[in-house]
Protein backbone atom coordinates (compact mmCIF):
# COMPACT_ATOMS: atom_id res chain seq x y z
CA MET A 1 58.37 35.55 -14.17
CA SER A 2 54.99 36.84 -13.65
CA MET A 3 52.97 35.76 -10.86
CA LYS A 4 50.16 34.52 -13.25
CA LEU A 5 52.85 32.44 -15.13
CA SER A 6 54.33 31.17 -12.08
CA TRP A 7 50.91 30.23 -10.65
CA CYS A 8 50.20 28.12 -14.14
CA LEU A 9 53.58 26.29 -13.94
CA GLY A 10 52.83 25.39 -10.36
CA VAL A 11 49.30 24.14 -11.43
CA GLY A 12 50.90 22.19 -14.43
CA THR A 13 53.53 20.67 -12.09
CA VAL A 14 50.85 19.53 -9.57
CA LEU A 15 48.89 18.04 -12.19
CA VAL A 16 51.75 16.16 -13.62
CA SER A 17 52.69 14.99 -10.24
CA ILE A 18 49.27 13.78 -9.51
CA LEU A 19 49.09 11.88 -12.59
CA LEU A 20 52.49 10.13 -11.98
CA LEU A 21 51.68 9.45 -8.36
CA SER A 22 48.13 8.03 -9.50
CA ALA A 23 49.74 5.81 -11.96
CA GLU A 24 52.33 4.43 -9.54
CA GLY A 25 49.98 4.25 -6.50
CA GLN A 26 47.15 2.47 -8.40
CA ALA A 27 49.12 0.05 -10.57
CA ALA A 28 46.99 -2.93 -11.28
CA PHE A 29 45.90 -5.13 -14.09
CA ASP A 30 42.21 -4.85 -15.18
CA LEU A 31 41.21 -7.61 -17.63
CA ARG A 32 37.84 -6.95 -19.52
CA ILE A 33 35.81 -8.99 -21.89
CA THR A 34 35.82 -6.83 -25.15
CA GLU A 35 34.26 -9.07 -27.81
CA ILE A 36 32.43 -12.60 -28.07
CA TRP A 37 32.00 -14.88 -30.91
CA SER A 38 29.39 -17.41 -30.53
CA GLY A 39 29.78 -19.61 -33.70
CA GLN A 40 27.97 -19.96 -37.18
CA ASP A 41 25.29 -22.09 -39.06
CA GLY A 42 27.01 -25.10 -40.17
CA PRO A 43 30.71 -26.18 -39.55
CA ASP A 44 32.58 -23.62 -37.32
CA LEU A 45 35.48 -21.62 -38.34
CA SER A 46 36.85 -22.15 -34.83
CA PRO A 47 35.57 -22.82 -31.31
CA ASP A 48 33.71 -20.10 -29.81
CA TRP A 49 35.83 -17.50 -28.36
CA ALA A 50 36.12 -14.31 -26.11
CA GLU A 51 38.58 -11.50 -26.46
CA VAL A 52 40.07 -10.12 -23.37
CA THR A 53 41.72 -6.84 -23.05
CA ASN A 54 43.87 -5.54 -20.20
CA VAL A 55 42.70 -2.02 -19.58
CA GLY A 56 44.94 -1.61 -16.40
CA ASN A 57 48.51 -0.31 -16.24
CA MET A 58 50.25 -3.30 -15.21
CA ALA A 59 50.66 -6.71 -16.68
CA TRP A 60 48.61 -9.83 -15.54
CA THR A 61 50.71 -12.83 -15.27
CA THR A 62 49.99 -16.29 -13.96
CA ALA A 63 51.99 -15.42 -10.88
CA ASP A 64 48.73 -13.26 -9.99
CA GLY A 65 46.62 -16.32 -10.45
CA ASP A 66 45.42 -18.30 -13.20
CA LEU A 67 42.50 -17.23 -15.47
CA TYR A 68 39.19 -19.43 -15.67
CA VAL A 69 36.24 -18.97 -17.87
CA GLU A 70 32.57 -20.02 -17.76
CA ASP A 71 29.39 -19.41 -19.67
CA ASP A 72 26.03 -18.12 -18.21
CA SER A 73 25.41 -21.07 -15.82
CA GLY A 74 27.60 -19.52 -13.37
CA ASN A 75 25.45 -16.35 -13.19
CA GLY A 76 28.70 -14.43 -12.29
CA GLY A 77 29.60 -16.54 -9.31
CA ALA A 78 31.81 -19.46 -9.18
CA SER A 79 30.00 -22.81 -9.66
CA GLY A 80 32.95 -25.42 -9.74
CA LEU A 81 32.42 -25.43 -13.47
CA GLU A 82 35.13 -22.95 -14.51
CA ILE A 83 37.65 -24.03 -16.97
CA LEU A 84 41.21 -23.20 -16.82
CA VAL A 85 42.64 -20.85 -19.66
CA GLN A 86 45.78 -22.37 -21.01
CA GLY A 87 48.33 -21.05 -23.52
CA ILE A 88 48.61 -17.63 -22.20
CA SER A 89 51.12 -16.65 -19.40
CA SER A 90 50.77 -12.77 -19.24
CA ILE A 91 48.62 -9.93 -20.69
CA GLY A 92 50.55 -6.67 -20.67
CA PRO A 93 48.68 -3.19 -20.32
CA GLY A 94 46.81 -2.58 -23.45
CA GLU A 95 47.27 -6.05 -24.78
CA VAL A 96 44.38 -8.27 -26.14
CA ALA A 97 44.06 -11.89 -25.92
CA ILE A 98 41.74 -14.30 -27.25
CA ILE A 99 40.38 -17.25 -25.33
CA LEU A 100 38.88 -20.24 -27.26
CA MET A 101 36.01 -21.69 -25.45
CA GLU A 102 36.19 -25.62 -25.40
CA GLY A 103 39.45 -25.18 -27.51
CA GLU A 104 42.59 -26.90 -27.75
CA ALA A 105 46.28 -26.08 -28.56
CA LEU A 106 45.66 -26.96 -32.31
CA ASP A 107 42.65 -24.57 -32.37
CA ALA A 108 44.86 -21.57 -31.48
CA GLY A 109 47.25 -22.37 -34.35
CA ASP A 110 44.17 -22.44 -36.87
CA PHE A 111 42.51 -19.39 -35.41
CA LYS A 112 45.84 -17.45 -36.13
CA PHE A 113 46.10 -18.87 -39.53
CA TYR A 114 42.79 -18.03 -40.73
CA TRP A 115 42.53 -14.40 -39.27
CA ASP A 116 46.11 -13.70 -40.56
CA LEU A 117 44.59 -14.04 -43.96
CA VAL A 118 42.71 -10.62 -43.54
CA LYS A 119 44.61 -9.06 -40.71
CA GLU A 120 45.51 -5.52 -40.46
CA PRO A 121 48.93 -4.01 -39.63
CA ASP A 122 47.78 -3.28 -36.12
CA LEU A 123 46.18 -6.53 -35.60
CA SER A 124 47.69 -8.56 -32.81
CA LEU A 125 47.11 -12.24 -32.60
CA SER A 126 50.12 -13.11 -30.66
CA LEU A 127 47.93 -13.95 -27.55
CA ILE A 128 45.59 -16.87 -28.18
CA GLY A 129 44.63 -19.13 -25.33
CA TYR A 130 42.13 -21.92 -25.00
CA ALA A 131 39.79 -23.36 -22.28
CA ALA A 132 40.03 -27.10 -22.95
CA GLY A 133 36.84 -28.82 -21.58
CA SER A 134 33.08 -29.11 -22.15
CA GLY A 135 30.02 -27.09 -20.81
CA ILE A 136 31.15 -23.70 -21.74
CA GLY A 137 30.07 -23.55 -25.43
CA LEU A 138 28.38 -20.30 -26.34
CA GLY A 139 24.61 -20.42 -27.39
CA GLY A 140 23.50 -18.56 -30.60
CA GLY A 141 20.44 -17.50 -28.86
CA GLY A 142 22.23 -15.54 -26.15
CA ASP A 143 24.71 -16.35 -23.53
CA THR A 144 27.17 -14.82 -21.26
CA VAL A 145 30.95 -15.16 -20.87
CA ASN A 146 32.29 -15.01 -16.99
CA LEU A 147 36.14 -14.35 -16.30
CA PHE A 148 37.59 -15.42 -13.15
CA LEU A 149 41.02 -15.08 -11.42
CA GLY A 150 42.87 -17.73 -9.29
CA ASP A 151 41.84 -20.72 -6.92
CA ALA A 152 39.44 -18.20 -5.14
CA ARG A 153 37.69 -17.63 -8.43
CA ILE A 154 37.59 -13.74 -8.02
CA HIS A 155 35.01 -12.68 -10.74
CA LEU A 156 36.83 -10.25 -12.94
CA ASP A 157 34.10 -9.54 -15.63
CA SER A 158 30.89 -10.71 -17.06
CA GLU A 159 29.53 -9.73 -20.68
CA GLY A 160 26.67 -11.10 -22.55
CA TYR A 161 24.79 -10.86 -25.76
CA ASP A 162 21.25 -11.46 -27.04
CA ASP A 163 20.32 -13.65 -30.09
CA ALA A 164 23.39 -13.67 -32.33
CA PRO A 165 23.50 -13.66 -35.97
CA SER A 166 25.58 -16.46 -37.72
CA GLY A 167 29.41 -15.75 -37.80
CA ILE A 168 29.32 -12.27 -36.38
CA SER A 169 30.79 -11.27 -33.10
CA TRP A 170 29.28 -9.07 -30.46
CA ASP A 171 31.54 -6.04 -29.90
CA VAL A 172 31.30 -5.09 -26.27
CA GLY A 173 32.57 -1.64 -26.50
CA LEU A 174 30.28 -0.59 -29.39
CA GLN A 175 27.43 -2.71 -27.87
CA ALA A 176 26.66 -4.05 -31.42
CA TYR A 177 27.27 -6.83 -33.66
CA SER A 178 30.24 -6.27 -35.76
CA ALA A 179 30.06 -4.92 -39.17
CA ALA A 180 33.12 -4.86 -41.55
CA GLY A 181 34.94 -1.44 -41.16
CA ASN A 182 33.22 -0.46 -38.00
CA ALA A 183 34.94 1.72 -35.26
CA SER A 184 36.77 -1.57 -33.87
CA GLY A 185 38.26 -2.27 -37.39
CA ALA A 186 36.16 -5.40 -38.02
CA MET A 187 37.19 -7.59 -40.88
CA LEU A 188 35.16 -9.89 -43.26
CA LEU A 189 36.92 -13.29 -43.41
CA ALA A 190 34.97 -14.57 -46.47
CA GLU A 191 33.85 -18.26 -47.10
CA SER A 192 35.71 -18.08 -50.20
CA GLU A 193 39.06 -17.99 -48.27
CA THR A 194 38.51 -20.52 -45.63
CA GLY A 195 35.86 -22.76 -46.98
CA PHE A 196 33.65 -21.90 -44.05
CA GLY A 197 30.78 -19.42 -43.97
CA ASP A 198 31.37 -15.64 -43.92
CA ASN A 199 32.83 -14.28 -40.37
CA ILE A 200 32.82 -10.78 -39.15
CA ALA A 201 34.99 -9.88 -36.02
CA SER A 202 37.76 -7.71 -34.98
CA PRO A 203 39.99 -10.24 -32.85
CA GLY A 204 43.14 -8.55 -31.53
CA MET A 205 42.03 -5.04 -32.34
CA THR A 206 41.34 -2.58 -29.45
CA SER A 207 40.82 1.20 -29.11
CA VAL A 208 41.75 1.25 -25.34
CA PRO A 209 44.56 3.69 -24.83
CA GLU A 210 47.62 2.23 -23.07
CA PRO A 211 48.25 4.02 -19.59
CA THR A 212 51.39 5.63 -20.86
CA THR A 213 49.22 7.44 -23.50
CA MET A 214 46.87 8.56 -21.05
CA LEU A 215 49.64 10.00 -18.79
CA LEU A 216 51.00 11.78 -22.04
CA ILE A 217 47.55 13.24 -22.69
CA GLY A 218 47.27 14.54 -19.23
CA ILE A 219 50.79 16.17 -19.42
CA GLY A 220 49.74 17.69 -22.58
CA VAL A 221 46.57 19.25 -21.10
CA ALA A 222 48.76 20.56 -18.18
CA GLY A 223 50.97 22.13 -21.05
CA LEU A 224 47.95 23.88 -22.61
CA LEU A 225 46.81 25.38 -19.40
CA VAL A 226 50.30 26.82 -19.04
CA GLY A 227 50.09 28.01 -22.58
CA ARG A 228 46.69 29.72 -22.22
CA ARG A 229 47.62 31.44 -19.25
CA ARG A 230 50.77 33.06 -20.64
CA LYS A 231 48.71 34.81 -23.41
């Protein structure tokens, strides 16, 4: 084996080892607000909702602390007005959950029923929770969703939007209001299918790669480095 090849193999091995150690040593859940729907003109299809994606490399479970939500009145800090999220006990790495603001258990079933009418094969709507209470409805003229963890109300994330068009969600990743067929796979749920106004959103869709995918990408990069050095 040449010295160059031996060196490259060594570099590749070190890189993969670093990736593995990093994945193990920094294992944590990371819950982010990735989409917000603030309602529509006339009767609403569903309560206002926020989509939460776990971009970390381990699952969140209720053993880590319950989730709470609040709108902008908290300004990112706990105010005592936070509402407990019910109906979701865990969110795995790469998984997406929907939280219905001022919702109830029956609303979760209705939400799934309606969006299943237009869902794509990779749309996941298995995790639908609700925050039963008042004071956290989202305003069409702009508002913010705050996500908290546990009795200490650890502030996990905060995302806001400006004046919202009727029945169209705010896509946090794209920093734009949803359009059918956009990069997030937003869909049109037409009034003709539900009896409510048109709705455009991408609930359950996410482009966030799972940690294992990122690890494989890293291993692939290491392999490319070795392959180039062999030439």
